Amino acid sequence: MTKNTPSRALSGVASLIESYGHDPDSIARRAGLTPSALYRPDLLIEGAVFNDFLEEAAVVCGDRFFSLKLASIQGWHVLGPLWQLIRRAKTIGEVLRTLAAHLESHASTISSPLLEDDRGITICFEARWDPKWGRSLNTSRVQVVELASAISIHEIRRLLGNSWRADQVQFRHSAPENPRPLYQIFGDKLRFNQDVNALRVSKVDCERPIVVMPDRPTITAQYEAPADLKLNIPFLLEVDRAIRLLLNREEASVDSVADLLGISPRTLQHRLKQSDTSYQNLFDIARIDLALEYLNDSNLNVLAISERVGFTDAAAFSRFFKKHLKMSPREYSKRISRGAA
């Protein structure tokens, strides 16, 4: 696995775990995380380990809403140089566009595709998982998705006022037994078992100017962004993001993905070949990844999942899934229920 997530993303988590009466270092070791990453902001950790650590912390602390607590003490300032770019934004829309354009340069395991229409801006949060990473303690992505979403909600409220509510909030995962804490954070326009993890901000709110960007803890010079900083997303991640966006809306064909990226299908295929991959390979990885998220975290049946990842029937989806994971979707679901996935 690639170490590409700054350890400052763990800011505040050690003290939060201690407030539950547990040892953060012990949880870190269980998740394969170097304990020093909990106390130093300058290390790089694997994105998959970050996800696993949050899930394990929630389990050990016995709090399904662990990430909501963490979100209340974190903020966009944990993004380091990206926070400096966000601070230059003049409107809420600019803030969201900056976040969407550059979040993957902070950590490639979290993606933030953005859609704009006449209703406003929808910013999505995709927690990537690659089957090649192998088995981990936990297979869910609920904690990291809710952390990213809750931090964004808190930060927008700091800019627009505590009474602000998103036009809509969507999660792929199912509702917990008691969803009240989620409704308290995200408002009553919250939906579960959706085809995307996303927040929608109205057009009116997107156009509202930012008078003063709230201050944050001091960031040392090594994390500050120079005026000419450009954080470019690797081309493969741009393609992956386009595939996921189109899978949520329509068929993610080579032509439609190329059109979304503003290049020809031939150029798309050529650039992917230069990176020793292909469109079909990235398309398959995205579909497997989304299928795993639905199987792990939602209440959707196999037929519904197959349709959401671009298959016309459940049998074809099952064959595809078994080819890549050596088990059927139903067998995988049974392993999850036994805690063996």
Protein backbone atom coordinates (compact mmCIF):
# COMPACT_ATOMS: atom_id res chain seq x y z
CA MET A 1 0.00 0.00 0.00
CA THR A 2 1.09 3.55 -0.70
CA LYS A 3 1.66 5.88 2.22
CA ASN A 4 -0.05 9.02 0.95
CA THR A 5 -2.29 10.22 3.79
CA PRO A 6 -0.71 12.82 6.12
CA SER A 7 -0.90 11.81 9.77
CA ARG A 8 -2.33 15.23 10.63
CA ALA A 9 -5.64 13.68 9.48
CA LEU A 10 -5.56 11.90 12.87
CA SER A 11 -5.46 15.17 14.80
CA GLY A 12 -7.37 14.88 18.08
CA VAL A 13 -8.20 11.20 17.72
CA ALA A 14 -5.89 9.98 20.52
CA SER A 15 -7.46 12.22 23.16
CA LEU A 16 -10.93 11.29 21.92
CA ILE A 17 -10.20 7.58 22.34
CA GLU A 18 -8.77 8.22 25.81
CA SER A 19 -12.03 9.96 26.77
CA TYR A 20 -13.73 6.58 26.29
CA GLY A 21 -11.21 4.98 28.65
CA HIS A 22 -9.26 3.14 25.95
CA ASP A 23 -5.63 3.11 24.80
CA PRO A 24 -5.21 4.73 21.36
CA ASP A 25 -1.79 3.13 20.85
CA SER A 26 -3.27 -0.33 21.27
CA ILE A 27 -5.98 0.36 18.70
CA ALA A 28 -3.37 1.77 16.32
CA ARG A 29 -1.26 -1.37 16.54
CA ARG A 30 -4.31 -3.57 15.94
CA ALA A 31 -5.03 -1.63 12.75
CA GLY A 32 -1.40 -1.75 11.57
CA LEU A 33 -0.82 1.94 12.28
CA THR A 34 2.42 3.20 13.81
CA PRO A 35 1.33 4.75 17.16
CA SER A 36 3.59 7.77 16.67
CA ALA A 37 1.32 8.82 13.78
CA LEU A 38 -1.31 9.70 16.40
CA TYR A 39 0.92 12.40 17.88
CA ARG A 40 2.96 13.72 14.94
CA PRO A 41 1.50 15.65 11.98
CA ASP A 42 4.43 15.08 9.62
CA LEU A 43 4.21 11.34 8.87
CA LEU A 44 2.56 9.59 5.93
CA ILE A 45 0.25 6.63 6.46
CA GLU A 46 -1.67 4.27 4.20
CA GLY A 47 -5.17 5.44 3.37
CA ALA A 48 -6.52 1.92 3.91
CA VAL A 49 -4.97 1.82 7.39
CA PHE A 50 -6.53 5.21 8.19
CA ASN A 51 -9.95 3.82 7.28
CA ASP A 52 -9.34 0.63 9.27
CA PHE A 53 -8.16 2.58 12.31
CA LEU A 54 -11.33 4.71 12.40
CA GLU A 55 -13.54 1.64 12.09
CA GLU A 56 -11.59 -0.18 14.81
CA ALA A 57 -11.73 2.85 17.12
CA ALA A 58 -15.52 2.97 16.73
CA VAL A 59 -15.78 -0.74 17.53
CA VAL A 60 -13.46 -0.67 20.55
CA CYS A 61 -15.03 2.51 21.95
CA GLY A 62 -18.49 1.07 21.37
CA ASP A 63 -19.68 4.20 19.58
CA ARG A 64 -21.28 3.91 16.15
CA PHE A 65 -21.00 7.72 15.93
CA PHE A 66 -17.29 7.95 16.77
CA SER A 67 -16.49 9.91 13.60
CA LEU A 68 -19.19 12.47 14.36
CA LYS A 69 -17.42 13.19 17.64
CA LEU A 70 -14.07 13.42 15.84
CA ALA A 71 -15.50 15.75 13.19
CA SER A 72 -16.54 18.22 15.88
CA ILE A 73 -12.90 18.68 16.96
CA GLN A 74 -11.30 18.56 13.52
CA GLY A 75 -11.77 20.79 10.48
CA TRP A 76 -10.48 21.53 7.01
CA HIS A 77 -7.25 22.82 8.56
CA VAL A 78 -6.10 19.17 8.88
CA LEU A 79 -5.75 19.25 5.08
CA GLY A 80 -2.59 21.35 5.44
CA PRO A 81 -1.67 23.12 2.16
CA LEU A 82 -5.19 22.54 0.83
CA TRP A 83 -6.55 24.52 3.78
CA GLN A 84 -4.49 27.47 2.60
CA LEU A 85 -6.13 27.24 -0.83
CA ILE A 86 -9.59 27.00 0.74
CA ARG A 87 -8.91 30.17 2.74
CA ARG A 88 -8.48 32.13 -0.51
CA ALA A 89 -12.02 31.32 -1.67
CA LYS A 90 -14.46 34.24 -1.94
CA THR A 91 -17.72 32.25 -2.03
CA ILE A 92 -19.03 28.92 -0.73
CA GLY A 93 -19.05 27.65 -4.30
CA GLU A 94 -15.34 28.42 -4.64
CA VAL A 95 -14.68 26.57 -1.38
CA LEU A 96 -16.44 23.45 -2.67
CA ARG A 97 -14.73 23.60 -6.06
CA THR A 98 -11.33 23.93 -4.39
CA LEU A 99 -12.03 21.01 -2.10
CA ALA A 100 -13.26 18.85 -4.97
CA ALA A 101 -10.36 19.73 -7.25
CA HIS A 102 -7.57 19.06 -4.76
CA LEU A 103 -8.67 16.66 -2.02
CA GLU A 104 -7.15 13.68 -3.82
CA SER A 105 -3.75 15.35 -3.73
CA HIS A 106 -4.10 15.15 0.07
CA ALA A 107 -4.95 11.43 0.04
CA SER A 108 -5.80 9.38 -3.04
CA THR A 109 -8.00 6.99 -1.06
CA ILE A 110 -10.67 9.68 -0.66
CA SER A 111 -12.23 11.29 -3.71
CA SER A 112 -14.56 14.28 -3.90
CA PRO A 113 -16.23 14.53 -7.30
CA LEU A 114 -18.46 17.54 -7.78
CA LEU A 115 -21.60 18.14 -9.83
CA GLU A 116 -23.06 21.54 -10.66
CA ASP A 117 -26.55 22.19 -12.01
CA ASP A 118 -29.29 24.79 -11.72
CA ARG A 119 -30.05 23.60 -8.17
CA GLY A 120 -26.54 24.20 -6.86
CA ILE A 121 -23.47 22.07 -6.14
CA THR A 122 -23.38 18.45 -5.05
CA ILE A 123 -20.04 17.37 -3.58
CA CYS A 124 -19.50 13.63 -3.23
CA PHE A 125 -17.21 11.62 -0.97
CA GLU A 126 -15.83 8.36 -2.31
CA ALA A 127 -13.79 6.22 0.06
CA ARG A 128 -11.74 4.06 -2.27
CA TRP A 129 -10.75 0.50 -1.53
CA ASP A 130 -8.58 -1.73 -3.70
CA PRO A 131 -9.05 -5.53 -3.33
CA LYS A 132 -5.29 -5.92 -3.84
CA TRP A 133 -4.80 -4.38 -0.40
CA GLY A 134 -5.95 -7.66 1.10
CA ARG A 135 -7.76 -8.43 4.29
CA SER A 136 -8.11 -5.91 7.09
CA LEU A 137 -9.74 -5.85 10.51
CA ASN A 138 -12.83 -4.08 9.19
CA THR A 139 -14.46 -3.85 5.77
CA SER A 140 -16.85 -0.95 6.38
CA ARG A 141 -16.22 2.61 5.20
CA VAL A 142 -18.97 4.27 7.21
CA GLN A 143 -16.68 6.10 9.66
CA VAL A 144 -14.45 7.79 7.09
CA VAL A 145 -17.43 8.79 4.90
CA GLU A 146 -19.32 10.28 7.84
CA LEU A 147 -16.15 12.01 9.08
CA ALA A 148 -15.55 13.77 5.74
CA SER A 149 -19.23 14.68 5.43
CA ALA A 150 -19.60 15.95 9.01
CA ILE A 151 -16.41 18.04 8.83
CA SER A 152 -17.76 19.69 5.67
CA ILE A 153 -21.12 20.39 7.32
CA HIS A 154 -19.45 21.93 10.38
CA GLU A 155 -17.13 24.07 8.25
CA ILE A 156 -19.91 25.40 6.02
CA ARG A 157 -21.91 26.29 9.13
CA ARG A 158 -18.93 28.25 10.42
CA LEU A 159 -19.17 30.28 7.22
CA LEU A 160 -22.95 30.53 6.80
CA GLY A 161 -24.19 30.30 10.38
CA ASN A 162 -25.28 27.50 12.70
CA SER A 163 -28.79 27.43 11.28
CA TRP A 164 -27.57 26.44 7.81
CA ARG A 165 -28.71 23.06 6.47
CA ALA A 166 -27.72 21.21 3.32
CA ASP A 167 -30.40 20.87 0.64
CA GLN A 168 -29.84 17.13 0.75
CA VAL A 169 -27.45 14.63 2.33
CA GLN A 170 -27.07 11.11 0.92
CA PHE A 171 -25.24 8.03 2.18
CA ARG A 172 -24.75 4.69 0.48
CA HIS A 173 -24.83 2.92 3.82
CA SER A 174 -27.97 1.94 5.66
CA ALA A 175 -29.41 3.81 8.63
CA PRO A 176 -28.21 2.69 12.08
CA GLU A 177 -30.71 1.45 14.64
CA ASN A 178 -30.87 4.92 16.18
CA PRO A 179 -30.10 7.51 13.47
CA ARG A 180 -30.93 10.53 15.64
CA PRO A 181 -27.27 11.71 16.02
CA LEU A 182 -26.95 11.74 12.23
CA TYR A 183 -30.12 13.78 11.77
CA GLN A 184 -28.86 16.21 14.42
CA ILE A 185 -25.72 16.86 12.36
CA PHE A 186 -27.03 16.56 8.80
CA GLY A 187 -30.64 17.72 9.12
CA ASP A 188 -33.91 16.09 8.17
CA LYS A 189 -33.12 15.85 4.44
CA LEU A 190 -30.87 12.86 5.07
CA ARG A 191 -31.30 9.70 2.99
CA PHE A 192 -29.71 6.25 3.32
CA ASN A 193 -29.08 3.37 0.87
CA GLN A 194 -28.46 5.94 -1.87
CA ASP A 195 -26.30 5.64 -4.98
CA VAL A 196 -23.81 8.21 -3.70
CA ASN A 197 -22.30 9.74 -0.54
CA ALA A 198 -22.97 13.43 -1.08
CA LEU A 199 -23.98 16.85 0.22
CA ARG A 200 -25.98 19.27 -1.92
CA VAL A 201 -25.60 23.01 -1.34
CA SER A 202 -28.20 25.29 -2.94
CA LYS A 203 -27.25 27.68 -5.71
CA VAL A 204 -28.14 30.65 -3.49
CA ASP A 205 -25.82 29.41 -0.72
CA CYS A 206 -23.04 28.65 -3.21
CA GLU A 207 -23.10 32.25 -4.39
CA ARG A 208 -22.99 33.73 -0.90
CA PRO A 209 -19.75 35.64 -0.25
CA ILE A 210 -17.38 34.73 2.55
CA VAL A 211 -16.75 37.81 4.66
CA VAL A 212 -14.22 36.33 7.08
CA MET A 213 -12.71 32.83 6.98
CA PRO A 214 -12.68 31.58 10.61
CA ASP A 215 -9.23 31.19 12.11
CA ARG A 216 -7.72 27.80 12.85
CA PRO A 217 -4.79 26.40 14.86
CA THR A 218 -1.47 27.71 13.61
CA ILE A 219 0.00 25.69 10.76
CA THR A 220 3.77 25.73 10.61
CA ALA A 221 5.51 27.15 7.57
CA GLN A 222 6.27 23.72 6.12
CA TYR A 223 2.52 23.11 5.70
CA GLU A 224 1.64 26.53 4.30
CA ALA A 225 0.83 26.86 0.62
CA PRO A 226 2.81 29.31 -1.51
CA ALA A 227 0.79 31.69 -3.67
CA ASP A 228 1.51 29.70 -6.84
CA LEU A 229 0.82 26.24 -5.39
CA LYS A 230 -0.96 23.88 -7.76
CA LEU A 231 -2.04 20.49 -6.49
CA ASN A 232 -2.80 18.47 -9.60
CA ILE A 233 -4.75 15.24 -9.41
CA PRO A 234 -3.05 12.33 -11.23
CA PHE A 235 -4.73 11.43 -14.51
CA LEU A 236 -5.66 7.92 -13.35
CA LEU A 237 -7.57 9.40 -10.43
CA GLU A 238 -9.37 11.81 -12.77
CA VAL A 239 -10.50 8.86 -14.87
CA ASP A 240 -11.55 6.89 -11.80
CA ARG A 241 -13.55 9.84 -10.53
CA ALA A 242 -15.28 10.29 -13.90
CA ILE A 243 -16.19 6.60 -14.01
CA ARG A 244 -17.74 6.74 -10.54
CA LEU A 245 -19.70 9.89 -11.35
CA LEU A 246 -21.13 8.39 -14.53
CA LEU A 247 -21.95 5.08 -12.86
CA ASN A 248 -24.17 7.08 -10.52
CA ARG A 249 -26.03 8.68 -13.44
CA GLU A 250 -25.76 6.60 -16.61
CA GLU A 251 -23.60 4.10 -18.42
CA ALA A 252 -19.92 4.92 -17.88
CA SER A 253 -18.69 4.17 -21.40
CA VAL A 254 -15.28 5.12 -22.77
CA ASP A 255 -16.92 7.81 -24.89
CA SER A 256 -18.90 9.34 -22.02
CA VAL A 257 -15.89 9.36 -19.67
CA ALA A 258 -13.67 10.91 -22.35
CA ASP A 259 -16.33 13.55 -23.02
CA LEU A 260 -16.54 14.39 -19.31
CA LEU A 261 -12.75 14.81 -19.19
CA GLY A 262 -12.75 16.96 -22.35
CA ILE A 263 -10.56 14.63 -24.42
CA SER A 264 -11.12 12.14 -27.23
CA PRO A 265 -11.66 8.42 -26.49
CA ARG A 266 -8.48 7.66 -28.41
CA THR A 267 -6.46 10.09 -26.26
CA LEU A 268 -7.99 8.60 -23.13
CA GLN A 269 -7.01 5.07 -24.11
CA HIS A 270 -3.53 6.17 -25.17
CA ARG A 271 -2.80 7.97 -21.89
CA LEU A 272 -4.03 4.99 -19.90
CA LYS A 273 -1.82 2.67 -21.93
CA GLN A 274 1.14 4.92 -21.12
CA SER A 275 0.32 4.32 -17.44
CA ASP A 276 0.31 0.53 -17.99
CA THR A 277 -3.42 0.19 -17.52
CA SER A 278 -6.63 0.35 -19.55
CA TYR A 279 -10.10 1.81 -19.34
CA GLN A 280 -11.59 -1.64 -18.78
CA ASN A 281 -9.23 -2.27 -15.87
CA LEU A 282 -10.14 1.01 -14.13
CA PHE A 283 -13.83 0.44 -14.90
CA ASP A 284 -13.73 -3.03 -13.33
CA ILE A 285 -11.86 -1.80 -10.24
CA ALA A 286 -14.42 0.98 -9.71
CA ARG A 287 -17.34 -1.43 -10.06
CA ILE A 288 -15.83 -3.95 -7.65
CA ASP A 289 -15.06 -1.17 -5.18
CA LEU A 290 -18.60 0.22 -5.27
CA ALA A 291 -20.09 -3.28 -5.04
CA LEU A 292 -18.03 -3.98 -1.92
CA GLU A 293 -19.21 -0.75 -0.32
CA TYR A 294 -22.86 -1.60 -1.00
CA LEU A 295 -22.45 -5.17 0.26
CA ASN A 296 -20.64 -4.04 3.39
CA ASP A 297 -22.66 -1.03 4.41
CA SER A 298 -26.09 -0.91 2.73
CA ASN A 299 -29.32 -2.91 2.96
CA LEU A 300 -29.61 -3.28 -0.81
CA ASN A 301 -30.13 -6.73 -2.33
CA VAL A 302 -27.85 -8.19 -5.01
CA LEU A 303 -30.19 -7.21 -7.86
CA ALA A 304 -30.28 -3.56 -6.76
CA ILE A 305 -26.50 -3.50 -6.32
CA SER A 306 -25.94 -5.04 -9.75
CA GLU A 307 -27.99 -2.26 -11.36
CA ARG A 308 -26.08 0.44 -9.51
CA VAL A 309 -22.72 -0.82 -10.76
CA GLY A 310 -23.79 -1.04 -14.39
CA PHE A 311 -25.15 -4.56 -14.89
CA THR A 312 -28.48 -5.41 -16.50
CA ASP A 313 -29.00 -8.58 -14.49
CA ALA A 314 -27.84 -10.07 -11.20
CA ALA A 315 -26.40 -13.22 -12.79
CA ALA A 316 -23.89 -11.26 -14.89
CA PHE A 317 -22.92 -9.23 -11.84
CA SER A 318 -22.42 -12.39 -9.76
CA ARG A 319 -20.14 -13.89 -12.43
CA PHE A 320 -18.14 -10.66 -12.59
CA PHE A 321 -17.84 -10.46 -8.81
CA LYS A 322 -16.79 -14.10 -8.48
CA LYS A 323 -14.18 -13.69 -11.21
CA HIS A 324 -12.47 -10.92 -9.25
CA LEU A 325 -13.01 -12.00 -5.64
CA LYS A 326 -13.28 -15.80 -6.00
CA MET A 327 -16.68 -15.85 -4.29
CA SER A 328 -20.21 -14.79 -5.15
CA PRO A 329 -21.81 -11.62 -3.73
CA ARG A 330 -24.04 -13.74 -1.49
CA GLU A 331 -21.05 -15.73 -0.22
CA TYR A 332 -19.28 -12.45 0.52
CA SER A 333 -22.33 -11.15 2.40
CA LYS A 334 -22.38 -14.30 4.52
CA ARG A 335 -18.70 -13.83 5.36
CA ILE A 336 -19.44 -10.26 6.46
CA SER A 337 -22.25 -11.42 8.72
CA ARG A 338 -19.85 -13.93 10.29
CA GLY A 339 -17.16 -11.25 10.63
CA ALA A 340 -14.83 -13.13 8.29
CA ALA A 341 -14.68 -10.88 5.21
